[in-house]
Structures are given as structure tokens and as C-alpha cells.
Amino acid sequence: MNKFPLNRLIRYFLRGLIFVVPLTLTVYIIYEIIEWLDGLIPIKVPGLGLLIIVCAITILGYLASFFITRPIFDQFEKYFTKIPLVSILYSSIKDLIGAFVGDKKRFNVPVTVALDDSGTILKIGFITCDDLEEIGLPGYVSVYLPHSYNFSGNHFLVEKSKVKTCKMRSTAAMKFVVSGGVSGLKDSEQEK
């Protein structure tokens, strides 16, 4: 009589965890956000808070780009950015969001940066400014290096000779870095 090996049972359990945990966490986070948004509205209709927020943001975006109402938004932003601590926070968040979805996208050139003189240790990052001569660093570029399994990163000023462009799309590169090198390569192959 063959016994069912315990290590096989553990392996099946771990494979199940790999499937269940990311799916459950993603669904749970989305559910909590929708619940929170729904809690902002006295009428209890599931998903209504999210729908109202999406509609309000879309309407504000439309009004901000309309030539008649644009000066009102510009004036509001001008006064808002004069508040000492708020101006730093607001402009940083605005620039970061604009770097991903705005007209002046900044995270669209994935590169590898040599971290040692021999060039054997590399890190994937994104060029955010390709000319730093204005601040007295000719021949240098500004590179953002995101952390793995985190939504933070480091910013470095790197000599151009230490930077090499990657043969992958920026979304695949970010996915590759944030996942710690676990995912993103297959996405890069499909997008070519």
C-alpha cells in the first residue's frame, strides 16, 4: 500500500497558495476601496460611490481642458501651490502621476545601469531626464530605480556610459522590477 507522501501534499498546498493569495488580496483590496467609496454616500447602492468618483474625475478633467474653464483651474492651482508644505506635496504627486499618464510621460525609457566598474552588476531603471548639463553634470542622465515588491524606489544621477537601453516595453520593465524579476519578461516578448 502506497502512502501519500507528505512533501507532495505540501507542494500542492504551496501551489494553491501561489494561485489563491494574489487573487484573494487583489479582490479584497478592490472590495475594500469600493466599500469605502460607497460609505461616503448616504444612499446604499453597491458600487455607486466608485461610479460617482469616476464620473466626477472625468467631468473635472473635461472642464480643466475646456478653454473657458481652464483659467479657473489654473488660478486655483496657482493659489494652492503657494501654501508652503502643500506645494511640495502637491507638485510632487502631480509630477509623479503625470510621469505615468500625462502628456509628458517620464517612465517610458527602460534602461540598465551598471552598478560596478566591470559592468557585471546591473539594475533596471527608467530615464527621467536625459540631459543634466543645466545643473552642472554634462554627460549624466537622471535614472529612477524602482524597488522590487514595493512602490518606492531610488533616484540616481548616472554617467551616460553606464546606462544602456533595454529591449523591452516600459510597462513590462516596471512589472519585471516590481515583481523582483518574477514576471514581465513574457509580456515584453508579446508586445514586441
Protein backbone atom coordinates (compact mmCIF):
# COMPACT_ATOMS: atom_id res chain seq x y z
CA MET A 1 0.00 0.00 0.00
CA ASN A 2 1.49 3.33 -1.12
CA LYS A 3 1.35 6.16 1.34
CA PHE A 4 0.64 9.61 0.02
CA PRO A 5 3.93 11.46 0.60
CA LEU A 6 3.70 14.47 2.89
CA ASN A 7 6.11 16.53 0.77
CA ARG A 8 3.78 16.15 -2.26
CA LEU A 9 0.86 17.36 -0.15
CA ILE A 10 2.91 20.37 0.97
CA ARG A 11 3.89 21.09 -2.65
CA TYR A 12 0.21 21.06 -3.71
CA PHE A 13 -0.65 23.36 -0.81
CA LEU A 14 2.08 25.83 -1.80
CA ARG A 15 0.93 25.81 -5.44
CA GLY A 16 -2.58 26.53 -4.20
CA LEU A 17 -1.25 29.46 -2.15
CA ILE A 18 0.51 30.88 -5.21
CA PHE A 19 -2.84 30.91 -7.00
CA VAL A 20 -5.15 31.92 -4.14
CA VAL A 21 -3.19 34.62 -2.26
CA PRO A 22 -2.63 37.15 -5.11
CA LEU A 23 -6.17 36.65 -6.37
CA THR A 24 -7.70 36.99 -2.90
CA LEU A 25 -5.63 40.04 -1.97
CA THR A 26 -6.46 41.79 -5.25
CA VAL A 27 -10.19 41.11 -4.88
CA TYR A 28 -10.09 42.11 -1.19
CA ILE A 29 -8.30 45.43 -1.85
CA ILE A 30 -10.70 46.31 -4.67
CA TYR A 31 -13.66 45.34 -2.47
CA GLU A 32 -12.41 47.48 0.44
CA ILE A 33 -11.88 50.50 -1.82
CA ILE A 34 -15.40 50.17 -3.25
CA GLU A 35 -16.85 49.71 0.27
CA TRP A 36 -15.03 52.82 1.46
CA LEU A 37 -16.27 54.84 -1.51
CA ASP A 38 -19.82 53.53 -1.02
CA GLY A 39 -19.63 54.56 2.64
CA LEU A 40 -19.14 58.17 1.59
CA ILE A 41 -22.66 58.28 0.14
CA PRO A 42 -25.83 58.04 2.27
CA ILE A 43 -27.66 56.01 -0.38
CA LYS A 44 -26.68 52.32 -0.08
CA VAL A 45 -26.20 51.04 -3.63
CA PRO A 46 -23.17 48.78 -4.11
CA GLY A 47 -20.60 50.37 -6.43
CA LEU A 48 -22.37 53.74 -6.57
CA GLY A 49 -19.52 55.51 -4.72
CA LEU A 50 -16.96 54.25 -7.22
CA LEU A 51 -19.18 55.22 -10.16
CA ILE A 52 -19.70 58.74 -8.77
CA ILE A 53 -15.96 59.22 -8.15
CA VAL A 54 -15.06 58.05 -11.68
CA CYS A 55 -17.72 60.32 -13.20
CA ALA A 56 -16.65 63.32 -11.08
CA ILE A 57 -12.98 62.89 -12.04
CA THR A 58 -13.92 62.58 -15.72
CA ILE A 59 -16.10 65.72 -15.58
CA LEU A 60 -13.32 67.67 -13.81
CA GLY A 61 -10.85 66.50 -16.46
CA TYR A 62 -13.20 67.69 -19.19
CA LEU A 63 -13.73 71.06 -17.51
CA ALA A 64 -9.99 71.51 -16.89
CA SER A 65 -9.26 71.03 -20.59
CA PHE A 66 -12.11 73.26 -21.82
CA PHE A 67 -10.73 76.67 -22.84
CA ILE A 68 -13.39 78.68 -20.94
CA THR A 69 -12.98 76.93 -17.56
CA ARG A 70 -9.23 76.26 -17.83
CA PRO A 71 -8.24 79.66 -16.32
CA ILE A 72 -10.33 78.88 -13.21
CA PHE A 73 -8.45 75.62 -12.64
CA ASP A 74 -5.12 77.34 -13.33
CA GLN A 75 -5.93 80.08 -10.81
CA PHE A 76 -6.97 77.52 -8.18
CA GLU A 77 -3.74 75.60 -8.74
CA LYS A 78 -1.70 78.82 -8.53
CA TYR A 79 -3.11 79.69 -5.09
CA PHE A 80 -2.98 76.08 -3.92
CA THR A 81 0.72 75.77 -4.73
CA LYS A 82 1.56 78.88 -2.68
CA ILE A 83 0.80 77.07 0.59
CA PRO A 84 4.28 76.12 1.94
CA LEU A 85 4.13 72.39 2.75
CA VAL A 86 1.19 71.68 0.45
CA SER A 87 3.06 72.99 -2.60
CA ILE A 88 5.86 70.44 -2.23
CA LEU A 89 3.45 67.54 -1.71
CA TYR A 90 1.02 68.63 -4.44
CA SER A 91 3.65 69.28 -7.11
CA SER A 92 5.48 66.02 -6.34
CA ILE A 93 2.29 63.95 -6.59
CA LYS A 94 1.17 65.81 -9.73
CA ASP A 95 4.55 65.25 -11.41
CA LEU A 96 4.59 61.57 -10.43
CA ILE A 97 1.09 60.92 -11.79
CA GLY A 98 1.91 62.95 -14.91
CA ALA A 99 5.02 60.84 -15.44
CA PHE A 100 2.81 57.76 -15.84
CA VAL A 101 -0.35 59.06 -17.55
CA GLY A 102 0.22 62.66 -18.62
CA ASP A 103 1.35 64.25 -21.85
CA LYS A 104 4.94 64.31 -20.54
CA LYS A 105 5.39 60.65 -19.65
CA ARG A 106 8.72 60.03 -17.97
CA PHE A 107 8.83 56.29 -17.27
CA ASN A 108 8.90 55.28 -20.92
CA VAL A 109 12.64 54.59 -21.46
CA PRO A 110 13.70 51.47 -19.56
CA VAL A 111 17.45 51.12 -19.12
CA THR A 112 20.01 49.01 -17.32
CA VAL A 113 22.52 50.77 -15.10
CA ALA A 114 25.92 49.27 -14.37
CA LEU A 115 26.41 49.36 -10.60
CA ASP A 116 30.07 48.33 -10.67
CA ASP A 117 33.08 49.25 -12.81
CA SER A 118 33.15 45.89 -14.58
CA GLY A 119 29.50 46.22 -15.64
CA THR A 120 28.59 42.80 -14.28
CA ILE A 121 26.03 44.04 -11.76
CA LEU A 122 23.08 45.73 -13.48
CA LYS A 123 19.82 47.25 -12.26
CA ILE A 124 16.79 48.11 -14.37
CA GLY A 125 15.52 51.67 -14.16
CA PHE A 126 13.93 54.45 -16.19
CA ILE A 127 15.49 57.62 -17.58
CA THR A 128 13.55 60.60 -16.24
CA CYS A 129 15.81 63.33 -17.65
CA ASP A 130 18.33 62.74 -20.42
CA ASP A 131 20.44 65.88 -20.00
CA LEU A 132 21.74 67.25 -16.68
CA GLU A 133 24.10 69.88 -18.09
CA GLU A 134 21.82 72.57 -16.62
CA ILE A 135 22.80 71.52 -13.09
CA GLY A 136 26.50 71.18 -13.90
CA LEU A 137 26.56 67.47 -14.78
CA PRO A 138 27.22 67.22 -18.53
CA GLY A 139 27.18 63.64 -19.77
CA TYR A 140 24.86 62.49 -16.95
CA VAL A 141 21.25 61.35 -17.01
CA SER A 142 18.63 61.09 -14.29
CA VAL A 143 17.56 57.47 -13.65
CA TYR A 144 14.77 56.23 -11.38
CA LEU A 145 15.39 52.73 -9.98
CA PRO A 146 12.20 51.21 -8.54
CA HIS A 147 12.32 48.72 -5.67
CA SER A 148 11.06 45.17 -6.01
CA TYR A 149 7.80 44.27 -4.24
CA ASN A 150 7.32 47.87 -3.26
CA PHE A 151 6.02 51.07 -4.77
CA SER A 152 9.08 53.13 -3.97
CA GLY A 153 12.50 53.50 -5.49
CA ASN A 154 15.78 55.38 -5.63
CA HIS A 155 16.74 58.21 -7.91
CA PHE A 156 20.32 58.35 -9.25
CA LEU A 157 22.30 60.67 -11.47
CA VAL A 158 24.31 58.34 -13.70
CA GLU A 159 27.05 58.84 -16.27
CA LYS A 160 25.54 58.12 -19.69
CA SER A 161 28.21 55.49 -20.44
CA LYS A 162 26.89 53.41 -17.52
CA VAL A 163 23.34 53.32 -18.96
CA LYS A 164 22.08 51.02 -21.70
CA THR A 165 18.52 50.93 -23.08
CA CYS A 166 16.55 47.73 -22.59
CA LYS A 167 14.87 45.84 -25.43
CA MET A 168 11.52 45.77 -23.65
CA ARG A 169 8.49 47.97 -23.21
CA SER A 170 8.35 50.24 -20.18
CA THR A 171 5.28 48.51 -18.71
CA ALA A 172 6.97 45.12 -18.94
CA ALA A 173 10.16 46.56 -17.41
CA MET A 174 8.26 48.04 -14.46
CA LYS A 175 6.40 44.77 -13.94
CA PHE A 176 9.71 42.88 -14.08
CA VAL A 177 11.34 45.16 -11.49
CA VAL A 178 8.38 45.44 -9.09
CA SER A 179 7.87 41.67 -9.12
CA GLY A 180 11.53 41.10 -8.30
CA GLY A 181 12.20 39.59 -11.73
CA VAL A 182 9.41 37.04 -11.47
CA SER A 183 7.10 38.45 -14.16
CA GLY A 184 7.22 40.83 -17.09
CA LEU A 185 9.57 39.05 -19.49
CA LYS A 186 6.80 37.14 -21.28
CA ASP A 187 4.78 40.40 -21.52
CA SER A 188 7.78 42.04 -23.14
CA GLU A 189 8.02 39.26 -25.76
CA GLN A 190 4.31 39.54 -26.58
CA GLU A 191 4.45 43.34 -27.02
CA LYS A 192 7.39 43.38 -29.49
